Amino acid sequence: MKRALSRAMLAQLRALRDKQERYTADAFLIEGIKLLDEALRCSFPLKQVFLSADLPAETRFEIQTLCEQRQIPTGTITREEISQITAMNNPEGVLAVGQLSACLAPNDHSDLPTIYLWQVNDPGNLGTIIRTALWFGVRNIWLSPSSADAFNLKVVRGTMGALFRVKLRLGVDSNKLLASVAEQKAYLWAADIGGKAPVSPNSSNWIIAFGSESHGLPAEIKQSATSIIGIPKFGEGESLNLGVAVGIILHNIKTLERA
């Protein structure tokens, strides 16, 4: 294989597949033209961009020009090297390294409305939820311990660029959640299969808590909630996919807010 990266750089990039290494390096991988375009559009902090030499000349020129304008270093990579780093079978020839901490919320309490996710450990669901939240104008997402890592490559791809426009708070256990609810006098909805349709709280000072598909929310969150909400079932089936449920509930709440 013709090599474009040094062995050391290849090893550094491959190491970013590991969760602990991502947080240590304050960096995560971004793969593909669409995601890079979204990152550049919103001026998301990028540490470096790598482009395959066989990209269409116009595409390569456009990306390099934008990177030069933003003073982002660029380098050359082969598609085979991208496959080694990301495990993608058919890479598009574009790989970038984003600044992980740029996605994290500052340690204040100015981040409502918020979605709170309790032990949502499926990367596909988490990516979909982040993308869906942004669609409905919710830019703040809190994750409990034992949730999927938001900077996993599958999650990053699933967000379709929404990750670059939201703020995350990580490691928020139920005690921290309930303390924030009390401090901010927030309206706490707990989503549960047995809940009723939401009623508008008449403000944007709210948090919606969602649990995993397997186990739902813990008792202390449901007991402390202002209201338990759900989605009426008109047909059959045990449950909805969590990403679908988040979309329906957010749609219902945003409709109430506009009424």
Protein backbone atom coordinates (compact mmCIF):
# COMPACT_ATOMS: atom_id res chain seq x y z
CA MET A 1 0.00 0.00 0.00
CA LYS A 2 1.30 3.43 -0.88
CA ARG A 3 1.56 5.35 2.39
CA ALA A 4 0.59 9.02 2.78
CA LEU A 5 0.76 9.24 6.57
CA SER A 6 3.76 8.56 8.76
CA ARG A 7 3.46 5.44 10.90
CA ALA A 8 3.32 7.64 14.00
CA MET A 9 0.45 9.75 12.67
CA LEU A 10 -1.45 6.67 11.52
CA ALA A 11 -1.08 5.22 15.02
CA GLN A 12 -2.28 8.47 16.62
CA LEU A 13 -5.38 8.57 14.47
CA ARG A 14 -6.17 4.90 15.02
CA ALA A 15 -5.84 5.46 18.77
CA LEU A 16 -8.79 7.87 18.61
CA ARG A 17 -11.07 4.88 18.15
CA ASP A 18 -10.54 4.32 21.89
CA LYS A 19 -12.82 6.29 24.22
CA GLN A 20 -10.19 7.04 26.85
CA GLU A 21 -7.71 8.19 24.22
CA ARG A 22 -10.26 10.59 22.75
CA TYR A 23 -10.75 12.36 26.07
CA THR A 24 -7.05 12.38 26.85
CA ALA A 25 -6.25 13.92 23.45
CA ASP A 26 -9.35 16.19 23.43
CA ALA A 27 -9.98 14.92 19.90
CA PHE A 28 -12.38 12.74 17.91
CA LEU A 29 -12.61 11.49 14.34
CA ILE A 30 -14.89 12.94 11.66
CA GLU A 31 -15.18 10.88 8.48
CA GLY A 32 -16.73 11.86 5.16
CA ILE A 33 -17.42 14.89 2.98
CA LYS A 34 -20.88 15.65 4.39
CA LEU A 35 -19.71 15.75 8.01
CA LEU A 36 -16.64 17.82 7.19
CA ASP A 37 -18.80 20.26 5.22
CA GLU A 38 -21.13 20.65 8.21
CA ALA A 39 -18.19 21.23 10.55
CA LEU A 40 -16.74 23.90 8.27
CA ARG A 41 -20.11 25.58 7.77
CA CYS A 42 -20.59 26.15 11.50
CA SER A 43 -16.91 26.96 12.14
CA PHE A 44 -16.51 23.96 14.42
CA PRO A 45 -12.94 23.76 15.78
CA LEU A 46 -10.95 21.26 13.72
CA LYS A 47 -7.40 20.27 14.62
CA GLN A 48 -6.49 18.81 11.23
CA VAL A 49 -8.04 17.69 7.95
CA PHE A 50 -6.73 14.86 5.77
CA LEU A 51 -7.67 14.51 2.10
CA SER A 52 -7.13 11.71 -0.35
CA ALA A 53 -5.13 12.67 -3.42
CA ASP A 54 -7.72 11.00 -5.67
CA LEU A 55 -10.59 13.25 -4.58
CA PRO A 56 -12.18 15.22 -7.46
CA ALA A 57 -10.00 18.27 -8.03
CA GLU A 58 -12.88 20.71 -7.43
CA THR A 59 -13.84 19.08 -4.12
CA ARG A 60 -10.25 19.01 -2.92
CA PHE A 61 -9.70 22.66 -3.91
CA GLU A 62 -12.88 23.83 -2.12
CA ILE A 63 -12.01 22.01 1.09
CA GLN A 64 -8.40 23.18 1.07
CA THR A 65 -9.48 26.78 0.47
CA LEU A 66 -11.90 26.71 3.42
CA CYS A 67 -9.25 25.12 5.63
CA GLU A 68 -6.69 27.76 4.66
CA GLN A 69 -9.19 30.53 5.48
CA ARG A 70 -9.74 29.01 8.93
CA GLN A 71 -6.04 28.16 9.42
CA ILE A 72 -6.75 24.44 9.73
CA PRO A 73 -3.74 22.25 8.84
CA THR A 74 -4.32 19.80 5.99
CA GLY A 75 -2.51 16.63 5.03
CA THR A 76 -2.71 13.79 2.54
CA ILE A 77 -4.16 10.38 3.32
CA THR A 78 -5.02 7.31 1.25
CA ARG A 79 -8.42 5.64 1.27
CA GLU A 80 -6.74 2.47 2.50
CA GLU A 81 -5.41 4.36 5.52
CA ILE A 82 -8.86 5.77 6.27
CA SER A 83 -10.20 2.21 6.21
CA GLN A 84 -7.57 1.20 8.75
CA ILE A 85 -8.49 4.10 11.01
CA THR A 86 -12.29 4.11 10.80
CA ALA A 87 -13.12 0.56 9.62
CA MET A 88 -15.18 2.04 6.77
CA ASN A 89 -15.39 -0.27 3.77
CA ASN A 90 -15.75 2.48 1.18
CA PRO A 91 -14.33 5.72 2.59
CA GLU A 92 -14.97 8.98 0.76
CA GLY A 93 -11.38 10.12 1.05
CA VAL A 94 -11.90 12.72 3.78
CA LEU A 95 -10.95 12.47 7.45
CA ALA A 96 -10.81 15.22 10.07
CA VAL A 97 -9.96 15.54 13.74
CA GLY A 98 -12.36 17.64 15.79
CA GLN A 99 -11.85 19.29 19.18
CA LEU A 100 -13.90 17.19 21.59
CA SER A 101 -14.25 19.82 24.31
CA ALA A 102 -15.94 22.19 21.84
CA CYS A 103 -19.04 19.98 22.11
CA LEU A 104 -19.23 20.15 25.90
CA ALA A 105 -21.44 22.57 27.80
CA PRO A 106 -19.85 25.10 30.14
CA ASN A 107 -20.40 24.37 33.80
CA ASP A 108 -23.31 26.71 34.33
CA HIS A 109 -27.07 26.31 34.31
CA SER A 110 -28.05 28.24 31.23
CA ASP A 111 -28.79 25.18 29.13
CA LEU A 112 -32.56 24.69 29.13
CA PRO A 113 -34.58 23.29 27.48
CA THR A 114 -32.70 19.99 27.72
CA ILE A 115 -33.04 16.33 26.85
CA TYR A 116 -31.70 13.98 29.51
CA LEU A 117 -30.74 10.45 28.43
CA TRP A 118 -30.46 7.70 31.04
CA GLN A 119 -28.13 4.83 30.05
CA VAL A 120 -28.87 5.08 26.33
CA ASN A 121 -26.09 2.76 25.25
CA ASP A 122 -26.97 2.13 21.61
CA PRO A 123 -24.75 4.37 19.42
CA GLY A 124 -27.27 4.37 16.58
CA ASN A 125 -30.04 5.60 18.86
CA LEU A 126 -27.83 8.27 20.40
CA GLY A 127 -26.80 9.65 17.01
CA THR A 128 -30.44 9.77 15.88
CA ILE A 129 -31.55 11.49 19.09
CA ILE A 130 -28.91 14.22 18.79
CA ARG A 131 -29.92 14.83 15.17
CA THR A 132 -33.62 14.85 16.09
CA ALA A 133 -33.14 17.18 19.06
CA LEU A 134 -31.45 19.79 16.88
CA TRP A 135 -34.27 19.54 14.31
CA PHE A 136 -36.72 20.55 17.05
CA GLY A 137 -34.50 23.34 18.34
CA VAL A 138 -33.19 21.57 21.45
CA ARG A 139 -29.45 22.21 21.60
CA ASN A 140 -28.69 20.83 25.06
CA ILE A 141 -28.33 17.13 25.82
CA TRP A 142 -27.30 15.55 29.10
CA LEU A 143 -26.03 11.99 29.24
CA SER A 144 -25.97 9.75 32.28
CA PRO A 145 -23.04 7.51 33.19
CA SER A 146 -23.06 4.23 31.23
CA SER A 147 -24.50 5.93 28.14
CA ALA A 148 -22.89 5.42 24.74
CA ASP A 149 -19.97 7.74 24.09
CA ALA A 150 -21.13 10.66 21.95
CA PHE A 151 -17.78 10.68 20.11
CA ASN A 152 -17.95 7.08 18.97
CA LEU A 153 -17.61 7.07 15.16
CA LYS A 154 -21.05 5.49 14.73
CA VAL A 155 -22.64 8.19 16.87
CA VAL A 156 -20.78 10.97 15.06
CA ARG A 157 -21.93 9.66 11.67
CA GLY A 158 -25.49 9.20 12.93
CA THR A 159 -25.78 12.83 14.01
CA MET A 160 -25.24 13.96 10.40
CA GLY A 161 -23.42 17.05 11.68
CA ALA A 162 -25.86 17.93 14.47
CA LEU A 163 -23.12 17.09 16.98
CA PHE A 164 -21.29 20.27 15.92
CA ARG A 165 -24.28 22.46 16.85
CA VAL A 166 -25.38 21.06 20.23
CA LYS A 167 -23.88 21.15 23.72
CA LEU A 168 -23.43 17.99 25.74
CA ARG A 169 -23.12 17.46 29.47
CA LEU A 170 -21.64 14.07 30.35
CA GLY A 171 -21.80 11.87 33.43
CA VAL A 172 -25.01 13.41 34.79
CA ASP A 173 -26.38 10.87 37.28
CA SER A 174 -29.89 11.03 38.73
CA ASN A 175 -28.72 13.05 41.76
CA LYS A 176 -27.13 15.70 39.56
CA LEU A 177 -30.23 15.78 37.35
CA LEU A 178 -32.60 16.31 40.26
CA ALA A 179 -30.30 18.90 41.86
CA SER A 180 -30.32 20.87 38.59
CA VAL A 181 -34.12 20.60 38.37
CA ALA A 182 -34.45 22.03 41.88
CA GLU A 183 -31.86 24.77 41.38
CA GLN A 184 -33.35 25.97 38.10
CA LYS A 185 -36.98 25.36 39.13
CA ALA A 186 -37.30 23.39 35.92
CA TYR A 187 -40.32 21.46 34.71
CA LEU A 188 -39.24 17.79 34.55
CA TRP A 189 -41.01 15.42 32.20
CA ALA A 190 -40.23 11.73 32.52
CA ALA A 191 -40.98 9.69 29.40
CA ASP A 192 -42.54 6.32 30.17
CA ILE A 193 -44.57 3.79 28.21
CA GLY A 194 -47.46 4.28 30.65
CA GLY A 195 -47.40 8.08 30.54
CA LYS A 196 -50.01 10.46 29.19
CA ALA A 197 -49.80 13.10 26.47
CA PRO A 198 -47.81 16.16 27.65
CA VAL A 199 -49.39 19.40 28.79
CA SER A 200 -47.50 22.62 28.04
CA PRO A 201 -45.48 24.03 30.97
CA ASN A 202 -45.90 27.52 29.44
CA SER A 203 -42.15 28.13 29.41
CA SER A 204 -38.97 26.74 27.89
CA ASN A 205 -37.57 25.96 31.33
CA TRP A 206 -37.98 22.20 30.92
CA ILE A 207 -36.11 18.92 30.87
CA ILE A 208 -37.36 15.69 29.30
CA ALA A 209 -35.82 12.50 30.68
CA PHE A 210 -35.69 9.41 28.48
CA GLY A 211 -34.51 5.98 29.59
CA SER A 212 -33.09 3.07 27.64
CA GLU A 213 -35.45 0.86 25.66
CA SER A 214 -34.55 -2.10 27.87
CA HIS A 215 -34.93 -0.64 31.35
CA GLY A 216 -36.56 2.78 31.10
CA LEU A 217 -35.95 5.43 33.76
CA PRO A 218 -35.02 4.71 37.39
CA ALA A 219 -37.72 5.09 40.02
CA GLU A 220 -36.19 8.19 41.65
CA ILE A 221 -36.48 10.17 38.40
CA LYS A 222 -40.06 9.13 37.73
CA GLN A 223 -41.08 9.84 41.34
CA SER A 224 -39.53 13.32 41.20
CA ALA A 225 -40.93 14.24 37.79
CA THR A 226 -43.44 17.04 37.41
CA SER A 227 -45.29 14.85 34.94
CA ILE A 228 -45.01 11.37 33.39
CA ILE A 229 -45.55 11.56 29.63
CA GLY A 230 -45.87 8.98 26.90
CA ILE A 231 -47.18 8.22 23.42
CA PRO A 232 -50.63 6.66 22.98
CA LYS A 233 -50.62 3.28 21.21
CA PHE A 234 -53.23 2.82 18.48
CA GLY A 235 -51.98 -0.47 17.10
CA GLU A 236 -49.80 -3.30 18.33
CA GLY A 237 -46.20 -3.74 19.44
CA GLU A 238 -44.21 -3.84 22.64
CA SER A 239 -42.49 -0.46 22.32
CA LEU A 240 -41.19 2.21 19.96
CA ASN A 241 -37.59 2.70 18.95
CA LEU A 242 -36.19 5.31 21.33
CA GLY A 243 -35.11 7.67 18.55
CA VAL A 244 -38.63 7.58 17.09
CA ALA A 245 -40.16 8.18 20.53
CA VAL A 246 -37.95 11.21 21.14
CA GLY A 247 -39.04 12.69 17.81
CA ILE A 248 -42.75 12.21 18.49
CA ILE A 249 -42.59 13.63 22.01
CA LEU A 250 -40.56 16.66 20.92
CA HIS A 251 -43.02 17.29 18.10
CA ASN A 252 -45.93 17.16 20.56
CA ILE A 253 -44.23 19.56 22.99
CA LYS A 254 -43.19 22.03 20.29
CA THR A 255 -46.77 21.98 18.95
CA LEU A 256 -48.04 22.81 22.45
CA GLU A 257 -45.55 25.67 22.76
CA ARG A 258 -46.81 27.23 19.54
CA ALA A 259 -50.49 26.81 20.38
